[in-house]
Amino acid sequence: RHSLLSVAAPQDIDVEDKYHLRDHQVVQIFFNALIVELCVTALWNDTSTNTVCDPVPANSTESNSADSNSTDTGDKQCSSSGNIKILTVIISGMFLALCLLATALVSRFIFRFGNM
């Protein structure tokens, strides 16, 4: 157990396990995971999870006009707006979860190795 639950309600120390994590090491693992989460979130900050509104002419015959220099400011409608890019959300969430898992496991291994 190396989560906030372990900090809030620690288990009894197993005297037979000389490699057990100390309380301050559990807190350090928690804050290591917190810092990694903030860094990964900052790196994925520019990732858009919403679709962009592509303006489409209100009348479909206007889009087929040959006059490319027209500056028509007529009413435009959005073809697909407000949808969530679910694949982007899943990929970024799984990447964050894997980074947190790797951070917690590596920190735990290092602390247990140091307790020998």
PDB file of N, CA and C in Angstrom:
ATOM      1  N   ARG A   1       0.841  -1.186   0.000  1.00  0.00           N
ATOM      2  CA  ARG A   1       0.000   0.000   0.000  1.00  0.00           C
ATOM      3  C   ARG A   1       0.871   1.227   0.000  1.00  0.00           C
ATOM      4  N   HIS A   2       0.810   1.992  -1.077  1.00  0.00           N
ATOM      5  CA  HIS A   2       1.588   3.215  -1.160  1.00  0.00           C
ATOM      6  C   HIS A   2       0.717   4.313  -1.760  1.00  0.00           C
ATOM      7  N   SER A   3      -0.389   4.578  -1.113  1.00  0.00           N
ATOM      8  CA  SER A   3      -1.291   5.601  -1.584  1.00  0.00           C
ATOM      9  C   SER A   3      -1.656   6.518  -0.427  1.00  0.00           C
ATOM     10  N   LEU A   4      -2.585   7.404  -0.682  1.00  0.00           N
ATOM     11  CA  LEU A   4      -3.050   8.312   0.364  1.00  0.00           C
ATOM     12  C   LEU A   4      -3.710   7.532   1.494  1.00  0.00           C
ATOM     13  N   LEU A   5      -4.318   6.409   1.169  1.00  0.00           N
ATOM     14  CA  LEU A   5      -4.930   5.558   2.191  1.00  0.00           C
ATOM     15  C   LEU A   5      -3.873   5.028   3.163  1.00  0.00           C
ATOM     16  N   SER A   6      -2.710   4.708   2.645  1.00  0.00           N
ATOM     17  CA  SER A   6      -1.629   4.228   3.499  1.00  0.00           C
ATOM     18  C   SER A   6      -1.133   5.320   4.431  1.00  0.00           C
ATOM     19  N   VAL A   7      -1.182   6.568   3.982  1.00  0.00           N
ATOM     20  CA  VAL A   7      -0.768   7.685   4.832  1.00  0.00           C
ATOM     21  C   VAL A   7      -1.832   7.958   5.883  1.00  0.00           C
ATOM     22  N   ALA A   8      -3.109   7.904   5.493  1.00  0.00           N
ATOM     23  CA  ALA A   8      -4.201   8.223   6.409  1.00  0.00           C
ATOM     24  C   ALA A   8      -4.430   7.119   7.441  1.00  0.00           C
ATOM     25  N   ALA A   9      -4.345   5.859   7.022  1.00  0.00           N
ATOM     26  CA  ALA A   9      -4.588   4.733   7.926  1.00  0.00           C
ATOM     27  C   ALA A   9      -3.486   3.693   7.734  1.00  0.00           C
ATOM     28  N   PRO A  10      -2.319   3.918   8.325  1.00  0.00           N
ATOM     29  CA  PRO A  10      -1.211   2.986   8.103  1.00  0.00           C
ATOM     30  C   PRO A  10      -1.453   1.625   8.735  1.00  0.00           C
ATOM     31  N   GLN A  11      -0.906   0.615   8.120  1.00  0.00           N
ATOM     32  CA  GLN A  11      -0.998  -0.740   8.651  1.00  0.00           C
ATOM     33  C   GLN A  11       0.053  -0.933   9.745  1.00  0.00           C
ATOM     34  N   ASP A  12      -0.126  -1.987  10.525  1.00  0.00           N
ATOM     35  CA  ASP A  12       0.870  -2.321  11.533  1.00  0.00           C
ATOM     36  C   ASP A  12       2.161  -2.744  10.842  1.00  0.00           C
ATOM     37  N   ILE A  13       3.280  -2.428  11.464  1.00  0.00           N
ATOM     38  CA  ILE A  13       4.583  -2.758  10.892  1.00  0.00           C
ATOM     39  C   ILE A  13       4.831  -4.255  11.027  1.00  0.00           C
ATOM     40  N   ASP A  14       5.205  -4.859   9.924  1.00  0.00           N
ATOM     41  CA  ASP A  14       5.547  -6.281   9.911  1.00  0.00           C
ATOM     42  C   ASP A  14       7.002  -6.409  10.341  1.00  0.00           C
ATOM     43  N   VAL A  15       7.228  -6.953  11.541  1.00  0.00           N
ATOM     44  CA  VAL A  15       8.587  -7.029  12.073  1.00  0.00           C
ATOM     45  C   VAL A  15       9.439  -8.046  11.320  1.00  0.00           C
ATOM     46  N   GLU A  16       8.807  -8.986  10.633  1.00  0.00           N
ATOM     47  CA  GLU A  16       9.562  -9.982   9.878  1.00  0.00           C
ATOM     48  C   GLU A  16      10.075  -9.419   8.554  1.00  0.00           C
ATOM     49  N   ASP A  17       9.400  -8.390   8.031  1.00  0.00           N
ATOM     50  CA  ASP A  17       9.827  -7.781   6.764  1.00  0.00           C
ATOM     51  C   ASP A  17      10.751  -6.611   7.070  1.00  0.00           C
ATOM     52  N   LYS A  18      12.057  -6.840   6.938  1.00  0.00           N
ATOM     53  CA  LYS A  18      12.998  -5.771   7.251  1.00  0.00           C
ATOM     54  C   LYS A  18      13.083  -4.728   6.138  1.00  0.00           C
ATOM     55  N   TYR A  19      12.453  -4.993   5.005  1.00  0.00           N
ATOM     56  CA  TYR A  19      12.480  -4.058   3.881  1.00  0.00           C
ATOM     57  C   TYR A  19      11.224  -3.191   3.821  1.00  0.00           C
ATOM     58  N   HIS A  20      10.389  -3.217   4.835  1.00  0.00           N
ATOM     59  CA  HIS A  20       9.113  -2.497   4.772  1.00  0.00           C
ATOM     60  C   HIS A  20       9.344  -0.998   4.610  1.00  0.00           C
ATOM     61  N   LEU A  21       8.365  -0.343   4.019  1.00  0.00           N
ATOM     62  CA  LEU A  21       8.454   1.095   3.790  1.00  0.00           C
ATOM     63  C   LEU A  21       8.135   1.845   5.070  1.00  0.00           C
ATOM     64  N   ARG A  22       8.931   2.842   5.368  1.00  0.00           N
ATOM     65  CA  ARG A  22       8.680   3.697   6.520  1.00  0.00           C
ATOM     66  C   ARG A  22       7.618   4.722   6.145  1.00  0.00           C
ATOM     67  N   ASP A  23       7.050   5.372   7.155  1.00  0.00           N
ATOM     68  CA  ASP A  23       5.974   6.342   6.896  1.00  0.00           C
ATOM     69  C   ASP A  23       6.449   7.498   6.028  1.00  0.00           C
ATOM     70  N   HIS A  24       7.624   8.007   6.293  1.00  0.00           N
ATOM     71  CA  HIS A  24       8.122   9.132   5.503  1.00  0.00           C
ATOM     72  C   HIS A  24       8.414   8.716   4.059  1.00  0.00           C
ATOM     73  N   GLN A  25       8.737   7.458   3.836  1.00  0.00           N
ATOM     74  CA  GLN A  25       8.955   6.986   2.473  1.00  0.00           C
ATOM     75  C   GLN A  25       7.632   6.876   1.710  1.00  0.00           C
ATOM     76  N   VAL A  26       6.578   6.471   2.397  1.00  0.00           N
ATOM     77  CA  VAL A  26       5.255   6.390   1.763  1.00  0.00           C
ATOM     78  C   VAL A  26       4.787   7.786   1.365  1.00  0.00           C
ATOM     79  N   VAL A  27       5.024   8.755   2.241  1.00  0.00           N
ATOM     80  CA  VAL A  27       4.655  10.139   1.916  1.00  0.00           C
ATOM     81  C   VAL A  27       5.480  10.631   0.728  1.00  0.00           C
ATOM     82  N   GLN A  28       6.762  10.276   0.680  1.00  0.00           N
ATOM     83  CA  GLN A  28       7.612  10.687  -0.439  1.00  0.00           C
ATOM     84  C   GLN A  28       7.127  10.067  -1.751  1.00  0.00           C
ATOM     85  N   ILE A  29       6.699   8.817  -1.733  1.00  0.00           N
ATOM     86  CA  ILE A  29       6.157   8.179  -2.937  1.00  0.00           C
ATOM     87  C   ILE A  29       4.896   8.898  -3.394  1.00  0.00           C
ATOM     88  N   PHE A  30       4.051   9.266  -2.451  1.00  0.00           N
ATOM     89  CA  PHE A  30       2.822   9.989  -2.804  1.00  0.00           C
ATOM     90  C   PHE A  30       3.151  11.321  -3.482  1.00  0.00           C
ATOM     91  N   PHE A  31       4.089  12.074  -2.931  1.00  0.00           N
ATOM     92  CA  PHE A  31       4.418  13.371  -3.525  1.00  0.00           C
ATOM     93  C   PHE A  31       5.195  13.215  -4.828  1.00  0.00           C
ATOM     94  N   ASN A  32       5.987  12.160  -4.965  1.00  0.00           N
ATOM     95  CA  ASN A  32       6.623  11.890  -6.258  1.00  0.00           C
ATOM     96  C   ASN A  32       5.560  11.661  -7.333  1.00  0.00           C
ATOM     97  N   ALA A  33       4.546  10.874  -7.003  1.00  0.00           N
ATOM     98  CA  ALA A  33       3.463  10.612  -7.964  1.00  0.00           C
ATOM     99  C   ALA A  33       2.690  11.895  -8.266  1.00  0.00           C
ATOM    100  N   LEU A  34       2.501  12.737  -7.263  1.00  0.00           N
ATOM    101  CA  LEU A  34       1.796  14.007  -7.476  1.00  0.00           C
ATOM    102  C   LEU A  34       2.566  14.918  -8.426  1.00  0.00           C
ATOM    103  N   ILE A  35       3.877  15.009  -8.245  1.00  0.00           N
ATOM    104  CA  ILE A  35       4.699  15.850  -9.120  1.00  0.00           C
ATOM    105  C   ILE A  35       4.707  15.303 -10.544  1.00  0.00           C
ATOM    106  N   VAL A  36       4.804  13.991 -10.697  1.00  0.00           N
ATOM    107  CA  VAL A  36       4.773  13.394 -12.035  1.00  0.00           C
ATOM    108  C   VAL A  36       3.429  13.662 -12.699  1.00  0.00           C
ATOM    109  N   GLU A  37       2.344  13.562 -11.941  1.00  0.00           N
ATOM    110  CA  GLU A  37       1.026  13.848 -12.506  1.00  0.00           C
ATOM    111  C   GLU A  37       0.932  15.293 -12.985  1.00  0.00           C
ATOM    112  N   LEU A  38       1.440  16.224 -12.204  1.00  0.00           N
ATOM    113  CA  LEU A  38       1.409  17.631 -12.612  1.00  0.00           C
ATOM    114  C   LEU A  38       2.266  17.877 -13.849  1.00  0.00           C
ATOM    115  N   CYS A  39       3.424  17.235 -13.930  1.00  0.00           N
ATOM    116  CA  CYS A  39       4.295  17.405 -15.094  1.00  0.00           C
ATOM    117  C   CYS A  39       3.667  16.829 -16.361  1.00  0.00           C
ATOM    118  N   VAL A  40       3.094  15.641 -16.263  1.00  0.00           N
ATOM    119  CA  VAL A  40       2.461  15.021 -17.431  1.00  0.00           C
ATOM    120  C   VAL A  40       1.236  15.832 -17.864  1.00  0.00           C
ATOM    121  N   THR A  41       0.473  16.321 -16.907  1.00  0.00           N
ATOM    122  CA  THR A  41      -0.680  17.155 -17.242  1.00  0.00           C
ATOM    123  C   THR A  41      -0.235  18.439 -17.931  1.00  0.00           C
ATOM    124  N   ALA A  42       0.870  19.025 -17.486  1.00  0.00           N
ATOM    125  CA  ALA A  42       1.389  20.234 -18.134  1.00  0.00           C
ATOM    126  C   ALA A  42       1.869  19.939 -19.550  1.00  0.00           C
ATOM    127  N   LEU A  43       2.471  18.756 -19.762  1.00  0.00           N
ATOM    128  CA  LEU A  43       2.926  18.395 -21.105  1.00  0.00           C
ATOM    129  C   LEU A  43       1.765  18.163 -22.063  1.00  0.00           C
ATOM    130  N   TRP A  44       0.642  17.640 -21.560  1.00  0.00           N
ATOM    131  CA  TRP A  44      -0.518  17.361 -22.395  1.00  0.00           C
ATOM    132  C   TRP A  44      -1.497  18.531 -22.396  1.00  0.00           C
ATOM    133  N   ASN A  45      -1.083  19.686 -21.936  1.00  0.00           N
ATOM    134  CA  ASN A  45      -1.977  20.829 -21.778  1.00  0.00           C
ATOM    135  C   ASN A  45      -2.577  21.298 -23.102  1.00  0.00           C
ATOM    136  N   ASP A  46      -1.808  21.304 -24.167  1.00  0.00           N
ATOM    137  CA  ASP A  46      -2.298  21.789 -25.457  1.00  0.00           C
ATOM    138  C   ASP A  46      -3.118  20.766 -26.222  1.00  0.00           C
ATOM    139  N   THR A  47      -3.310  19.600 -25.688  1.00  0.00           N
ATOM    140  CA  THR A  47      -4.083  18.574 -26.369  1.00  0.00           C
ATOM    141  C   THR A  47      -5.562  18.933 -26.309  1.00  0.00           C
ATOM    142  N   SER A  48      -6.158  19.087 -27.460  1.00  0.00           N
ATOM    143  CA  SER A  48      -7.574  19.447 -27.526  1.00  0.00           C
ATOM    144  C   SER A  48      -8.432  18.196 -27.418  1.00  0.00           C
ATOM    145  N   THR A  49      -9.441  18.252 -26.556  1.00  0.00           N
ATOM    146  CA  THR A  49     -10.345  17.118 -26.414  1.00  0.00           C
ATOM    147  C   THR A  49     -11.711  17.399 -27.011  1.00  0.00           C
ATOM    148  N   ASN A  50     -11.918  18.592 -27.555  1.00  0.00           N
ATOM    149  CA  ASN A  50     -13.188  18.944 -28.192  1.00  0.00           C
ATOM    150  C   ASN A  50     -12.976  19.139 -29.681  1.00  0.00           C
ATOM    151  N   THR A  51     -13.978  18.802 -30.449  1.00  0.00           N
ATOM    152  CA  THR A  51     -13.898  19.015 -31.881  1.00  0.00           C
ATOM    153  C   THR A  51     -14.064  20.493 -32.189  1.00  0.00           C
ATOM    154  N   VAL A  52     -13.529  20.893 -33.318  1.00  0.00           N
ATOM    155  CA  VAL A  52     -13.575  22.288 -33.730  1.00  0.00           C
ATOM    156  C   VAL A  52     -14.781  22.491 -34.626  1.00  0.00           C
ATOM    157  N   CYS A  53     -15.403  23.619 -34.486  1.00  0.00           N
ATOM    158  CA  CYS A  53     -16.558  23.958 -35.311  1.00  0.00           C
ATOM    159  C   CYS A  53     -16.079  24.359 -36.695  1.00  0.00           C
ATOM    160  N   ASP A  54     -16.430  23.585 -37.694  1.00  0.00           N
ATOM    161  CA  ASP A  54     -16.108  23.917 -39.080  1.00  0.00           C
ATOM    162  C   ASP A  54     -17.292  24.655 -39.681  1.00  0.00           C
ATOM    163  N   PRO A  55     -17.102  25.938 -40.000  1.00  0.00           N
ATOM    164  CA  PRO A  55     -18.240  26.673 -40.556  1.00  0.00           C
ATOM    165  C   PRO A  55     -18.656  26.104 -41.911  1.00  0.00           C
ATOM    166  N   VAL A  56     -19.932  25.820 -42.038  1.00  0.00           N
ATOM    167  CA  VAL A  56     -20.513  25.299 -43.265  1.00  0.00           C
ATOM    168  C   VAL A  56     -21.576  26.300 -43.713  1.00  0.00           C
ATOM    169  N   PRO A  57     -21.603  26.625 -44.993  1.00  0.00           N
ATOM    170  CA  PRO A  57     -22.631  27.565 -45.444  1.00  0.00           C
ATOM    171  C   PRO A  57     -24.025  27.038 -45.134  1.00  0.00           C
ATOM    172  N   ALA A  58     -24.930  27.958 -44.814  1.00  0.00           N
ATOM    173  CA  ALA A  58     -26.290  27.568 -44.477  1.00  0.00           C
ATOM    174  C   ALA A  58     -26.974  26.900 -45.658  1.00  0.00           C
ATOM    175  N   ASN A  59     -26.658  27.319 -46.861  1.00  0.00           N
ATOM    176  CA  ASN A  59     -27.229  26.751 -48.060  1.00  0.00           C
ATOM    177  C   ASN A  59     -26.129  25.962 -48.763  1.00  0.00           C
ATOM    178  N   SER A  60     -26.356  24.719 -49.048  1.00  0.00           N
ATOM    179  CA  SER A  60     -25.319  23.879 -49.635  1.00  0.00           C
ATOM    180  C   SER A  60     -24.909  24.343 -51.026  1.00  0.00           C
ATOM    181  N   THR A  61     -25.751  25.101 -51.740  1.00  0.00           N
ATOM    182  CA  THR A  61     -25.377  25.570 -53.073  1.00  0.00           C
ATOM    183  C   THR A  61     -24.349  26.683 -52.985  1.00  0.00           C
ATOM    184  N   GLU A  62     -24.254  27.368 -51.845  1.00  0.00           N
ATOM    185  CA  GLU A  62     -23.248  28.419 -51.707  1.00  0.00           C
ATOM    186  C   GLU A  62     -21.841  27.840 -51.667  1.00  0.00           C
ATOM    187  N   SER A  63     -21.691  26.647 -51.150  1.00  0.00           N
ATOM    188  CA  SER A  63     -20.360  26.046 -51.059  1.00  0.00           C
ATOM    189  C   SER A  63     -19.848  25.617 -52.421  1.00  0.00           C
ATOM    190  N   ASN A  64     -20.727  25.453 -53.391  1.00  0.00           N
ATOM    191  CA  ASN A  64     -20.326  25.024 -54.722  1.00  0.00           C
ATOM    192  C   ASN A  64     -20.117  26.181 -55.674  1.00  0.00           C
ATOM    193  N   SER A  65     -20.217  27.418 -55.205  1.00  0.00           N
ATOM    194  CA  SER A  65     -20.081  28.569 -56.095  1.00  0.00           C
ATOM    195  C   SER A  65     -18.642  28.684 -56.573  1.00  0.00           C
ATOM    196  N   ALA A  66     -18.463  29.133 -57.785  1.00  0.00           N
ATOM    197  CA  ALA A  66     -17.145  29.218 -58.402  1.00  0.00           C
ATOM    198  C   ALA A  66     -16.427  30.496 -58.016  1.00  0.00           C
ATOM    199  N   ASP A  67     -17.111  31.457 -57.448  1.00  0.00           N
ATOM    200  CA  ASP A  67     -16.496  32.741 -57.099  1.00  0.00           C
ATOM    201  C   ASP A  67     -15.719  32.585 -55.791  1.00  0.00           C
ATOM    202  N   SER A  68     -14.398  32.471 -55.872  1.00  0.00           N
ATOM    203  CA  SER A  68     -13.588  32.257 -54.672  1.00  0.00           C
ATOM    204  C   SER A  68     -13.248  33.559 -53.970  1.00  0.00           C
ATOM    205  N   ASN A  69     -13.490  34.701 -54.599  1.00  0.00           N
ATOM    206  CA  ASN A  69     -13.161  35.984 -53.994  1.00  0.00           C
ATOM    207  C   ASN A  69     -14.341  36.587 -53.237  1.00  0.00           C
ATOM    208  N   SER A  70     -15.429  35.881 -53.118  1.00  0.00           N
ATOM    209  CA  SER A  70     -16.583  36.456 -52.446  1.00  0.00           C
ATOM    210  C   SER A  70     -16.320  36.533 -50.948  1.00  0.00           C
ATOM    211  N   THR A  71     -16.817  37.587 -50.349  1.00  0.00           N
ATOM    212  CA  THR A  71     -16.667  37.784 -48.905  1.00  0.00           C
ATOM    213  C   THR A  71     -18.045  37.745 -48.283  1.00  0.00           C
ATOM    214  N   ASP A  72     -18.717  36.654 -48.478  1.00  0.00           N
ATOM    215  CA  ASP A  72     -20.066  36.491 -47.953  1.00  0.00           C
ATOM    216  C   ASP A  72     -19.994  36.311 -46.438  1.00  0.00           C
ATOM    217  N   THR A  73     -20.679  37.150 -45.724  1.00  0.00           N
ATOM    218  CA  THR A  73     -20.717  37.044 -44.263  1.00  0.00           C
ATOM    219  C   THR A  73     -22.085  36.568 -43.816  1.00  0.00           C
ATOM    220  N   GLY A  74     -22.692  35.743 -44.616  1.00  0.00           N
ATOM    221  CA  GLY A  74     -24.014  35.220 -44.296  1.00  0.00           C
ATOM    222  C   GLY A  74     -23.970  34.276 -43.112  1.00  0.00           C
ATOM    223  N   ASP A  75     -25.112  33.762 -42.740  1.00  0.00           N
ATOM    224  CA  ASP A  75     -25.197  32.851 -41.600  1.00  0.00           C
ATOM    225  C   ASP A  75     -24.459  31.556 -41.904  1.00  0.00           C
ATOM    226  N   LYS A  76     -23.627  31.146 -40.974  1.00  0.00           N
ATOM    227  CA  LYS A  76     -22.887  29.892 -41.092  1.00  0.00           C
ATOM    228  C   LYS A  76     -23.350  28.970 -39.975  1.00  0.00           C
ATOM    229  N   GLN A  77     -23.349  27.692 -40.252  1.00  0.00           N
ATOM    230  CA  GLN A  77     -23.732  26.701 -39.259  1.00  0.00           C
ATOM    231  C   GLN A  77     -22.541  25.785 -38.998  1.00  0.00           C
ATOM    232  N   CYS A  78     -22.484  25.255 -37.803  1.00  0.00           N
ATOM    233  CA  CYS A  78     -21.413  24.315 -37.464  1.00  0.00           C
ATOM    234  C   CYS A  78     -21.869  22.905 -37.814  1.00  0.00           C
ATOM    235  N   SER A  79     -20.965  22.160 -38.454  1.00  0.00           N
ATOM    236  CA  SER A  79     -21.322  20.797 -38.831  1.00  0.00           C
ATOM    237  C   SER A  79     -21.217  19.837 -37.649  1.00  0.00           C
ATOM    238  N   SER A  80     -20.163  19.975 -36.848  1.00  0.00           N
ATOM    239  CA  SER A  80     -20.014  19.100 -35.683  1.00  0.00           C
ATOM    240  C   SER A  80     -19.256  19.860 -34.605  1.00  0.00           C
ATOM    241  N   SER A  81     -19.958  20.323 -33.629  1.00  0.00           N
ATOM    242  CA  SER A  81     -19.332  21.100 -32.574  1.00  0.00           C
ATOM    243  C   SER A  81     -19.696  20.522 -31.212  1.00  0.00           C
ATOM    244  N   GLY A  82     -18.761  20.562 -30.291  1.00  0.00           N
ATOM    245  CA  GLY A  82     -19.040  20.128 -28.935  1.00  0.00           C
ATOM    246  C   GLY A  82     -18.838  18.647 -28.702  1.00  0.00           C
ATOM    247  N   ASN A  83     -18.414  17.916 -29.706  1.00  0.00           N
ATOM    248  CA  ASN A  83     -18.151  16.493 -29.513  1.00  0.00           C
ATOM    249  C   ASN A  83     -16.826  16.305 -28.797  1.00  0.00           C
ATOM    250  N   ILE A  84     -16.725  15.262 -28.026  1.00  0.00           N
ATOM    251  CA  ILE A  84     -15.495  14.979 -27.296  1.00  0.00           C
ATOM    252  C   ILE A  84     -14.697  13.938 -28.071  1.00  0.00           C
ATOM    253  N   LYS A  85     -13.406  14.180 -28.213  1.00  0.00           N
ATOM    254  CA  LYS A  85     -12.526  13.215 -28.861  1.00  0.00           C
ATOM    255  C   LYS A  85     -12.201  12.137 -27.833  1.00  0.00           C
ATOM    256  N   ILE A  86     -12.999  11.107 -27.798  1.00  0.00           N
ATOM    257  CA  ILE A  86     -12.902  10.085 -26.760  1.00  0.00           C
ATOM    258  C   ILE A  86     -11.580   9.330 -26.829  1.00  0.00           C
ATOM    259  N   LEU A  87     -11.068   9.100 -28.019  1.00  0.00           N
ATOM    260  CA  LEU A  87      -9.801   8.385 -28.152  1.00  0.00           C
ATOM    261  C   LEU A  87      -8.656   9.202 -27.568  1.00  0.00           C
ATOM    262  N   THR A  88      -8.670  10.506 -27.777  1.00  0.00           N
ATOM    263  CA  THR A  88      -7.643  11.378 -27.205  1.00  0.00           C
ATOM    264  C   THR A  88      -7.706  11.372 -25.686  1.00  0.00           C
ATOM    265  N   VAL A  89      -8.906  11.409 -25.142  1.00  0.00           N
ATOM    266  CA  VAL A  89      -9.071  11.389 -23.686  1.00  0.00           C
ATOM    267  C   VAL A  89      -8.575  10.066 -23.113  1.00  0.00           C
ATOM    268  N   ILE A  90      -8.891   8.959 -23.762  1.00  0.00           N
ATOM    269  CA  ILE A  90      -8.469   7.640 -23.276  1.00  0.00           C
ATOM    270  C   ILE A  90      -6.955   7.500 -23.346  1.00  0.00           C
ATOM    271  N   ILE A  91      -6.348   7.912 -24.449  1.00  0.00           N
ATOM    272  CA  ILE A  91      -4.899   7.792 -24.602  1.00  0.00           C
ATOM    273  C   ILE A  91      -4.169   8.649 -23.578  1.00  0.00           C
ATOM    274  N   SER A  92      -4.590   9.892 -23.408  1.00  0.00           N
ATOM    275  CA  SER A  92      -3.903  10.753 -22.440  1.00  0.00           C
ATOM    276  C   SER A  92      -4.119  10.256 -21.011  1.00  0.00           C
ATOM    277  N   GLY A  93      -5.295   9.734 -20.704  1.00  0.00           N
ATOM    278  CA  GLY A  93      -5.553   9.182 -19.375  1.00  0.00           C
ATOM    279  C   GLY A  93      -4.737   7.933 -19.097  1.00  0.00           C
ATOM    280  N   MET A  94      -4.643   7.048 -20.074  1.00  0.00           N
ATOM    281  CA  MET A  94      -3.851   5.829 -19.897  1.00  0.00           C
ATOM    282  C   MET A  94      -2.361   6.149 -19.781  1.00  0.00           C
ATOM    283  N   PHE A  95      -1.903   7.132 -20.543  1.00  0.00           N
ATOM    284  CA  PHE A  95      -0.500   7.536 -20.460  1.00  0.00           C
ATOM    285  C   PHE A  95      -0.188   8.091 -19.073  1.00  0.00           C
ATOM    286  N   LEU A  96      -1.093   8.909 -18.546  1.00  0.00           N
ATOM    287  CA  LEU A  96      -0.913   9.454 -17.200  1.00  0.00           C
ATOM    288  C   LEU A  96      -0.924   8.350 -16.159  1.00  0.00           C
ATOM    289  N   ALA A  97      -1.840   7.405 -16.289  1.00  0.00           N
ATOM    290  CA  ALA A  97      -1.909   6.297 -15.333  1.00  0.00           C
ATOM    291  C   ALA A  97      -0.643   5.441 -15.375  1.00  0.00           C
ATOM    292  N   LEU A  98      -0.109   5.188 -16.565  1.00  0.00           N
ATOM    293  CA  LEU A  98       1.125   4.403 -16.680  1.00  0.00           C
ATOM    294  C   LEU A  98       2.314   5.149 -16.088  1.00  0.00           C
ATOM    295  N   CYS A  99       2.359   6.463 -16.279  1.00  0.00           N
ATOM    296  CA  CYS A  99       3.439   7.252 -15.679  1.00  0.00           C
ATOM    297  C   CYS A  99       3.360   7.214 -14.157  1.00  0.00           C
ATOM    298  N   LEU A 100       2.161   7.310 -13.613  1.00  0.00           N
ATOM    299  CA  LEU A 100       1.993   7.256 -12.161  1.00  0.00           C
ATOM    300  C   LEU A 100       2.356   5.880 -11.618  1.00  0.00           C
ATOM    301  N   LEU A 101       1.940   4.839 -12.302  1.00  0.00           N
ATOM    302  CA  LEU A 101       2.263   3.482 -11.869  1.00  0.00           C
ATOM    303  C   LEU A 101       3.768   3.249 -11.902  1.00  0.00           C
ATOM    304  N   ALA A 102       4.422   3.686 -12.963  1.00  0.00           N
ATOM    305  CA  ALA A 102       5.873   3.518 -13.063  1.00  0.00           C
ATOM    306  C   ALA A 102       6.585   4.307 -11.966  1.00  0.00           C
ATOM    307  N   THR A 103       6.122   5.516 -11.695  1.00  0.00           N
ATOM    308  CA  THR A 103       6.734   6.327 -10.647  1.00  0.00           C
ATOM    309  C   THR A 103       6.594   5.666  -9.286  1.00  0.00           C
ATOM    310  N   ALA A 104       5.403   5.186  -8.969  1.00  0.00           N
ATOM    311  CA  ALA A 104       5.171   4.555  -7.669  1.00  0.00           C
ATOM    312  C   ALA A 104       5.982   3.271  -7.524  1.00  0.00           C
ATOM    313  N   LEU A 105       6.025   2.453  -8.561  1.00  0.00           N
ATOM    314  CA  LEU A 105       6.756   1.186  -8.471  1.00  0.00           C
ATOM    315  C   LEU A 105       8.265   1.401  -8.387  1.00  0.00           C
ATOM    316  N   VAL A 106       8.779   2.332  -9.188  1.00  0.00           N
ATOM    317  CA  VAL A 106      10.219   2.601  -9.144  1.00  0.00           C
ATOM    318  C   VAL A 106      10.609   3.201  -7.795  1.00  0.00           C
ATOM    319  N   SER A 107       9.814   4.138  -7.289  1.00  0.00           N
ATOM    320  CA  SER A 107      10.105   4.739  -5.980  1.00  0.00           C
ATOM    321  C   SER A 107      10.041   3.688  -4.883  1.00  0.00           C
ATOM    322  N   ARG A 108       9.054   2.831  -4.949  1.00  0.00           N
ATOM    323  CA  ARG A 108       8.904   1.775  -3.943  1.00  0.00           C
ATOM    324  C   ARG A 108      10.103   0.817  -3.987  1.00  0.00           C
ATOM    325  N   PHE A 109      10.522   0.432  -5.197  1.00  0.00           N
ATOM    326  CA  PHE A 109      11.673  -0.460  -5.333  1.00  0.00           C
ATOM    327  C   PHE A 109      12.935   0.189  -4.777  1.00  0.00           C
ATOM    328  N   ILE A 110      13.149   1.468  -5.083  1.00  0.00           N
ATOM    329  CA  ILE A 110      14.340   2.169  -4.608  1.00  0.00           C
ATOM    330  C   ILE A 110      14.341   2.265  -3.086  1.00  0.00           C
ATOM    331  N   PHE A 111      13.198   2.587  -2.493  1.00  0.00           N
ATOM    332  CA  PHE A 111      13.139   2.693  -1.037  1.00  0.00           C
ATOM    333  C   PHE A 111      13.329   1.328  -0.371  1.00  0.00           C
ATOM    334  N   ARG A 112      12.718   0.296  -0.926  1.00  0.00           N
ATOM    335  CA  ARG A 112      12.890  -1.040  -0.328  1.00  0.00           C
ATOM    336  C   ARG A 112      14.337  -1.518  -0.486  1.00  0.00           C
ATOM    337  N   PHE A 113      14.973  -1.189  -1.601  1.00  0.00           N
ATOM    338  CA  PHE A 113      16.386  -1.539  -1.807  1.00  0.00           C
ATOM    339  C   PHE A 113      17.257  -0.780  -0.819  1.00  0.00           C
ATOM    340  N   GLY A 114      16.917   0.467  -0.554  1.00  0.00           N
ATOM    341  CA  GLY A 114      17.687   1.279   0.387  1.00  0.00           C
ATOM    342  C   GLY A 114      17.506   0.849   1.837  1.00  0.00           C
ATOM    343  N   ASN A 115      16.412   0.144   2.134  1.00  0.00           N
ATOM    344  CA  ASN A 115      16.150  -0.303   3.508  1.00  0.00           C
ATOM    345  C   ASN A 115      16.894  -1.592   3.861  1.00  0.00           C
ATOM    346  N   MET A 116      17.664  -2.158   2.939  1.00  0.00           N
ATOM    347  CA  MET A 116      18.373  -3.413   3.230  1.00  0.00           C
ATOM    348  C   MET A 116      19.413  -3.212   4.301  1.00  0.00           C
TER     349      MET A 116
END
